[in-house]
Amino acid sequence: MKHILETERLILREIDMEADIDAWHDMMSHEPTVRHIGGQVLDRAATWRQMATMVGHQAIRGYGFWTVIEKASGKFVGRIGPWNPEGWPEPEVGWTIHRDFTRRGFAKEAGAACVDYCFNTLGWERIIHVIADKNIGSIKTAEAIGSKRMYKIDKLPPFGEVQCWAYGQEKV
């Protein structure tokens, strides 16, 4: 798989449907992990479809979520990357971290690298992070990488009514 970005502790690479499915499913079937990103735990088939959507987004847009791997262990950390599907409020850098890797600064480290990538490689002038109102961990991560609360999001395709905020920043 093609490596897209590397940080001090992480490799961000293209999604590998076969190699990544078990770890993604483990992450997406954990209720506390998904409660702020749609709230639905996913079975293996739904996880595969979600991954396929992200691979399709990459093919269509030329960028998308990546699988994040810890260099030291080779283990799956989560998914992080630029995202802008039809109906989304603005181009986003989003993240989901596997429960075994939370509270270690991995979202901050990879998120900052993705913001830099979006500004300096993709040429974006502004990015957002769509964050559920009560997702304190993601709010702290967004703020740690320089993003500020920008505006409320009340509807989000395909989720419908939501209580989210757009945190974001502009290229300086």
C-alpha atoms as a PDB file:
ATOM      1  CA  MET A   1       0.000   0.000   0.000  1.00  0.00           C
ATOM      2  CA  LYS A   2       1.136   3.497  -0.789  1.00  0.00           C
ATOM      3  CA  HIS A   3       2.288   5.557   2.179  1.00  0.00           C
ATOM      4  CA  ILE A   4       0.842   9.052   2.010  1.00  0.00           C
ATOM      5  CA  LEU A   5       2.257  10.688   5.130  1.00  0.00           C
ATOM      6  CA  GLU A   6       4.609   9.822   7.950  1.00  0.00           C
ATOM      7  CA  THR A   7       4.909  11.474  11.314  1.00  0.00           C
ATOM      8  CA  GLU A   8       7.292  10.741  14.146  1.00  0.00           C
ATOM      9  CA  ARG A   9       5.204   7.786  15.342  1.00  0.00           C
ATOM     10  CA  LEU A  10       2.714   7.066  12.564  1.00  0.00           C
ATOM     11  CA  ILE A  11       2.309   5.958   8.969  1.00  0.00           C
ATOM     12  CA  LEU A  12      -0.780   7.149   7.100  1.00  0.00           C
ATOM     13  CA  ARG A  13      -1.357   4.911   4.112  1.00  0.00           C
ATOM     14  CA  GLU A  14      -4.030   4.007   1.605  1.00  0.00           C
ATOM     15  CA  ILE A  15      -6.837   1.800   2.871  1.00  0.00           C
ATOM     16  CA  ASP A  16      -6.243  -1.921   2.249  1.00  0.00           C
ATOM     17  CA  MET A  17      -9.671  -3.569   2.261  1.00  0.00           C
ATOM     18  CA  GLU A  18      -8.343  -7.042   3.047  1.00  0.00           C
ATOM     19  CA  ALA A  19      -5.606  -6.163   5.531  1.00  0.00           C
ATOM     20  CA  ASP A  20      -7.616  -3.515   7.397  1.00  0.00           C
ATOM     21  CA  ILE A  21     -11.131  -4.974   7.630  1.00  0.00           C
ATOM     22  CA  ASP A  22     -10.740  -6.773  10.971  1.00  0.00           C
ATOM     23  CA  ALA A  23      -9.245  -3.783  12.793  1.00  0.00           C
ATOM     24  CA  TRP A  24     -11.721  -1.331  11.224  1.00  0.00           C
ATOM     25  CA  HIS A  25     -14.606  -3.603  12.195  1.00  0.00           C
ATOM     26  CA  ASP A  26     -13.296  -3.862  15.758  1.00  0.00           C
ATOM     27  CA  MET A  27     -13.132  -0.050  15.911  1.00  0.00           C
ATOM     28  CA  MET A  28     -16.527   0.579  14.303  1.00  0.00           C
ATOM     29  CA  SER A  29     -18.364  -2.080  16.348  1.00  0.00           C
ATOM     30  CA  HIS A  30     -17.405  -0.416  19.643  1.00  0.00           C
ATOM     31  CA  GLU A  31     -20.319   1.756  20.833  1.00  0.00           C
ATOM     32  CA  PRO A  32     -18.242   4.301  22.793  1.00  0.00           C
ATOM     33  CA  THR A  33     -16.070   4.852  19.706  1.00  0.00           C
ATOM     34  CA  VAL A  34     -18.959   5.458  17.298  1.00  0.00           C
ATOM     35  CA  ARG A  35     -21.383   7.307  19.589  1.00  0.00           C
ATOM     36  CA  HIS A  36     -20.264  10.696  18.226  1.00  0.00           C
ATOM     37  CA  ILE A  37     -19.920   9.667  14.568  1.00  0.00           C
ATOM     38  CA  GLY A  38     -23.412   8.576  13.675  1.00  0.00           C
ATOM     39  CA  GLY A  39     -23.983   6.436  16.747  1.00  0.00           C
ATOM     40  CA  GLN A  40     -24.442   3.152  14.904  1.00  0.00           C
ATOM     41  CA  VAL A  41     -22.193   0.207  15.623  1.00  0.00           C
ATOM     42  CA  LEU A  42     -21.329  -1.550  12.384  1.00  0.00           C
ATOM     43  CA  ASP A  43     -21.262  -5.235  11.652  1.00  0.00           C
ATOM     44  CA  ARG A  44     -18.500  -6.557   9.398  1.00  0.00           C
ATOM     45  CA  ALA A  45     -20.535  -6.118   6.183  1.00  0.00           C
ATOM     46  CA  ALA A  46     -21.430  -2.499   7.045  1.00  0.00           C
ATOM     47  CA  THR A  47     -17.793  -1.822   7.947  1.00  0.00           C
ATOM     48  CA  TRP A  48     -16.716  -3.151   4.549  1.00  0.00           C
ATOM     49  CA  ARG A  49     -19.262  -0.892   2.815  1.00  0.00           C
ATOM     50  CA  GLN A  50     -18.045   2.114   4.819  1.00  0.00           C
ATOM     51  CA  MET A  51     -14.448   1.368   3.869  1.00  0.00           C
ATOM     52  CA  ALA A  52     -15.474   0.948   0.220  1.00  0.00           C
ATOM     53  CA  THR A  53     -17.159   4.353   0.363  1.00  0.00           C
ATOM     54  CA  MET A  54     -13.905   5.871   1.597  1.00  0.00           C
ATOM     55  CA  VAL A  55     -11.896   4.101  -1.107  1.00  0.00           C
ATOM     56  CA  GLY A  56     -14.413   5.403  -3.665  1.00  0.00           C
ATOM     57  CA  HIS A  57     -14.115   8.937  -2.268  1.00  0.00           C
ATOM     58  CA  GLN A  58     -10.336   8.656  -2.714  1.00  0.00           C
ATOM     59  CA  ALA A  59     -10.795   7.546  -6.333  1.00  0.00           C
ATOM     60  CA  ILE A  60     -13.268  10.335  -7.119  1.00  0.00           C
ATOM     61  CA  ARG A  61     -11.722  13.261  -5.220  1.00  0.00           C
ATOM     62  CA  GLY A  62      -8.058  12.215  -5.249  1.00  0.00           C
ATOM     63  CA  TYR A  63      -7.877  12.304  -1.441  1.00  0.00           C
ATOM     64  CA  GLY A  64      -9.649  10.660   1.457  1.00  0.00           C
ATOM     65  CA  PHE A  65      -9.363   8.935   4.784  1.00  0.00           C
ATOM     66  CA  TRP A  66      -6.245   6.856   5.322  1.00  0.00           C
ATOM     67  CA  THR A  67      -5.457   3.931   7.551  1.00  0.00           C
ATOM     68  CA  VAL A  68      -3.169   4.984  10.396  1.00  0.00           C
ATOM     69  CA  ILE A  69      -0.503   2.556  11.594  1.00  0.00           C
ATOM     70  CA  GLU A  70       1.753   2.911  14.634  1.00  0.00           C
ATOM     71  CA  LYS A  71       5.363   2.623  13.426  1.00  0.00           C
ATOM     72  CA  ALA A  72       6.686   0.994  16.600  1.00  0.00           C
ATOM     73  CA  SER A  73       4.191  -1.879  16.675  1.00  0.00           C
ATOM     74  CA  GLY A  74       2.772  -2.016  13.154  1.00  0.00           C
ATOM     75  CA  LYS A  75      -0.714  -1.935  14.702  1.00  0.00           C
ATOM     76  CA  PHE A  76      -3.826  -0.237  13.367  1.00  0.00           C
ATOM     77  CA  VAL A  77      -4.467   3.082  15.167  1.00  0.00           C
ATOM     78  CA  GLY A  78      -7.495   4.377  13.269  1.00  0.00           C
ATOM     79  CA  ARG A  79      -8.561   6.370  10.235  1.00  0.00           C
ATOM     80  CA  ILE A  80      -7.672   9.983   9.548  1.00  0.00           C
ATOM     81  CA  GLY A  81      -7.727  12.174   6.502  1.00  0.00           C
ATOM     82  CA  PRO A  82      -9.313  14.753   4.241  1.00  0.00           C
ATOM     83  CA  TRP A  83     -12.976  14.219   3.391  1.00  0.00           C
ATOM     84  CA  ASN A  84     -15.564  16.126   1.387  1.00  0.00           C
ATOM     85  CA  PRO A  85     -18.498  13.968   0.244  1.00  0.00           C
ATOM     86  CA  GLU A  86     -21.509  15.393  -1.560  1.00  0.00           C
ATOM     87  CA  GLY A  87     -23.595  17.529   0.800  1.00  0.00           C
ATOM     88  CA  TRP A  88     -20.820  18.059   3.356  1.00  0.00           C
ATOM     89  CA  PRO A  89     -20.581  21.646   4.643  1.00  0.00           C
ATOM     90  CA  GLU A  90     -16.922  22.156   3.624  1.00  0.00           C
ATOM     91  CA  PRO A  91     -13.746  20.138   3.078  1.00  0.00           C
ATOM     92  CA  GLU A  92     -12.867  18.400   6.333  1.00  0.00           C
ATOM     93  CA  VAL A  93     -10.033  16.636   8.087  1.00  0.00           C
ATOM     94  CA  GLY A  94     -11.649  13.955  10.213  1.00  0.00           C
ATOM     95  CA  TRP A  95     -10.449  11.210  12.527  1.00  0.00           C
ATOM     96  CA  THR A  96     -11.530   8.099  14.385  1.00  0.00           C
ATOM     97  CA  ILE A  97      -9.090   6.398  16.737  1.00  0.00           C
ATOM     98  CA  HIS A  98      -9.314   2.773  17.872  1.00  0.00           C
ATOM     99  CA  ARG A  99     -10.029   2.501  21.594  1.00  0.00           C
ATOM    100  CA  ASP A 100      -6.635   0.845  22.242  1.00  0.00           C
ATOM    101  CA  PHE A 101      -4.856   4.001  21.009  1.00  0.00           C
ATOM    102  CA  THR A 102      -6.850   6.882  22.473  1.00  0.00           C
ATOM    103  CA  ARG A 103      -5.318   9.471  24.808  1.00  0.00           C
ATOM    104  CA  ARG A 104      -1.826   9.081  23.338  1.00  0.00           C
ATOM    105  CA  GLY A 105      -1.845  12.125  21.076  1.00  0.00           C
ATOM    106  CA  PHE A 106      -2.148  10.119  17.864  1.00  0.00           C
ATOM    107  CA  ALA A 107      -5.196  12.056  16.580  1.00  0.00           C
ATOM    108  CA  LYS A 108      -3.373  15.322  17.260  1.00  0.00           C
ATOM    109  CA  GLU A 109      -0.179  14.137  15.554  1.00  0.00           C
ATOM    110  CA  ALA A 110      -1.887  12.730  12.470  1.00  0.00           C
ATOM    111  CA  GLY A 111      -4.524  15.472  12.362  1.00  0.00           C
ATOM    112  CA  ALA A 112      -1.869  18.195  12.277  1.00  0.00           C
ATOM    113  CA  ALA A 113      -0.031  16.344   9.498  1.00  0.00           C
ATOM    114  CA  CYS A 114      -3.282  16.085   7.520  1.00  0.00           C
ATOM    115  CA  VAL A 115      -4.061  19.793   7.947  1.00  0.00           C
ATOM    116  CA  ASP A 116      -0.573  20.606   6.674  1.00  0.00           C
ATOM    117  CA  TYR A 117      -1.084  18.193   3.748  1.00  0.00           C
ATOM    118  CA  CYS A 118      -4.425  19.810   2.855  1.00  0.00           C
ATOM    119  CA  PHE A 119      -2.976  23.318   2.907  1.00  0.00           C
ATOM    120  CA  ASN A 120       0.378  22.609   1.275  1.00  0.00           C
ATOM    121  CA  THR A 121      -0.334  19.693  -1.081  1.00  0.00           C
ATOM    122  CA  LEU A 122      -4.043  19.923  -1.894  1.00  0.00           C
ATOM    123  CA  GLY A 123      -4.019  23.732  -1.889  1.00  0.00           C
ATOM    124  CA  TRP A 124      -6.997  24.145   0.416  1.00  0.00           C
ATOM    125  CA  GLU A 125      -7.476  27.591   1.921  1.00  0.00           C
ATOM    126  CA  ARG A 126      -9.688  26.396   4.794  1.00  0.00           C
ATOM    127  CA  ILE A 127     -10.529  23.129   6.540  1.00  0.00           C
ATOM    128  CA  ILE A 128     -13.128  22.120   9.068  1.00  0.00           C
ATOM    129  CA  HIS A 129     -13.691  19.226  11.457  1.00  0.00           C
ATOM    130  CA  VAL A 130     -17.318  18.200  11.947  1.00  0.00           C
ATOM    131  CA  ILE A 131     -17.550  17.423  15.667  1.00  0.00           C
ATOM    132  CA  ALA A 132     -20.550  16.298  17.705  1.00  0.00           C
ATOM    133  CA  ASP A 133     -21.564  18.759  20.395  1.00  0.00           C
ATOM    134  CA  LYS A 134     -20.487  16.517  23.304  1.00  0.00           C
ATOM    135  CA  ASN A 135     -17.362  14.970  21.753  1.00  0.00           C
ATOM    136  CA  ILE A 136     -14.891  16.548  24.174  1.00  0.00           C
ATOM    137  CA  GLY A 137     -11.938  14.464  22.953  1.00  0.00           C
ATOM    138  CA  SER A 138     -12.311  15.617  19.354  1.00  0.00           C
ATOM    139  CA  ILE A 139     -12.951  19.208  20.422  1.00  0.00           C
ATOM    140  CA  LYS A 140      -9.680  19.173  22.379  1.00  0.00           C
ATOM    141  CA  THR A 141      -7.872  17.585  19.435  1.00  0.00           C
ATOM    142  CA  ALA A 142      -9.196  20.213  17.010  1.00  0.00           C
ATOM    143  CA  GLU A 143      -8.170  23.021  19.345  1.00  0.00           C
ATOM    144  CA  ALA A 144      -4.732  21.453  19.888  1.00  0.00           C
ATOM    145  CA  ILE A 145      -4.049  21.578  16.131  1.00  0.00           C
ATOM    146  CA  GLY A 146      -5.094  25.216  15.870  1.00  0.00           C
ATOM    147  CA  SER A 147      -8.778  24.980  14.970  1.00  0.00           C
ATOM    148  CA  LYS A 148     -11.498  27.163  16.486  1.00  0.00           C
ATOM    149  CA  ARG A 149     -15.254  26.720  16.801  1.00  0.00           C
ATOM    150  CA  MET A 150     -16.756  28.305  13.691  1.00  0.00           C
ATOM    151  CA  TYR A 151     -20.469  27.498  13.298  1.00  0.00           C
ATOM    152  CA  LYS A 152     -23.251  25.121  14.296  1.00  0.00           C
ATOM    153  CA  ILE A 153     -24.325  22.265  12.023  1.00  0.00           C
ATOM    154  CA  ASP A 154     -27.942  21.154  12.438  1.00  0.00           C
ATOM    155  CA  LYS A 155     -28.289  18.815   9.440  1.00  0.00           C
ATOM    156  CA  LEU A 156     -25.661  16.546   7.983  1.00  0.00           C
ATOM    157  CA  PRO A 157     -26.267  14.146   5.101  1.00  0.00           C
ATOM    158  CA  PRO A 158     -26.882  11.240   5.516  1.00  0.00           C
ATOM    159  CA  PHE A 159     -27.399  11.571   9.276  1.00  0.00           C
ATOM    160  CA  GLY A 160     -30.202  14.148   9.158  1.00  0.00           C
ATOM    161  CA  GLU A 161     -30.733  16.149  12.336  1.00  0.00           C
ATOM    162  CA  VAL A 162     -27.494  16.437  14.313  1.00  0.00           C
ATOM    163  CA  GLN A 163     -25.959  18.574  16.992  1.00  0.00           C
ATOM    164  CA  CYS A 164     -22.491  19.288  15.644  1.00  0.00           C
ATOM    165  CA  TRP A 165     -20.056  22.125  15.336  1.00  0.00           C
ATOM    166  CA  ALA A 166     -17.649  22.984  12.575  1.00  0.00           C
ATOM    167  CA  TYR A 167     -14.240  23.617  14.070  1.00  0.00           C
ATOM    168  CA  GLY A 168     -11.714  24.840  11.563  1.00  0.00           C
ATOM    169  CA  GLN A 169      -8.886  27.016  10.430  1.00  0.00           C
ATOM    170  CA  GLU A 170      -7.658  28.935   7.438  1.00  0.00           C
ATOM    171  CA  LYS A 171      -4.300  28.673   5.766  1.00  0.00           C
ATOM    172  CA  VAL A 172      -1.895  31.310   7.044  1.00  0.00           C
END
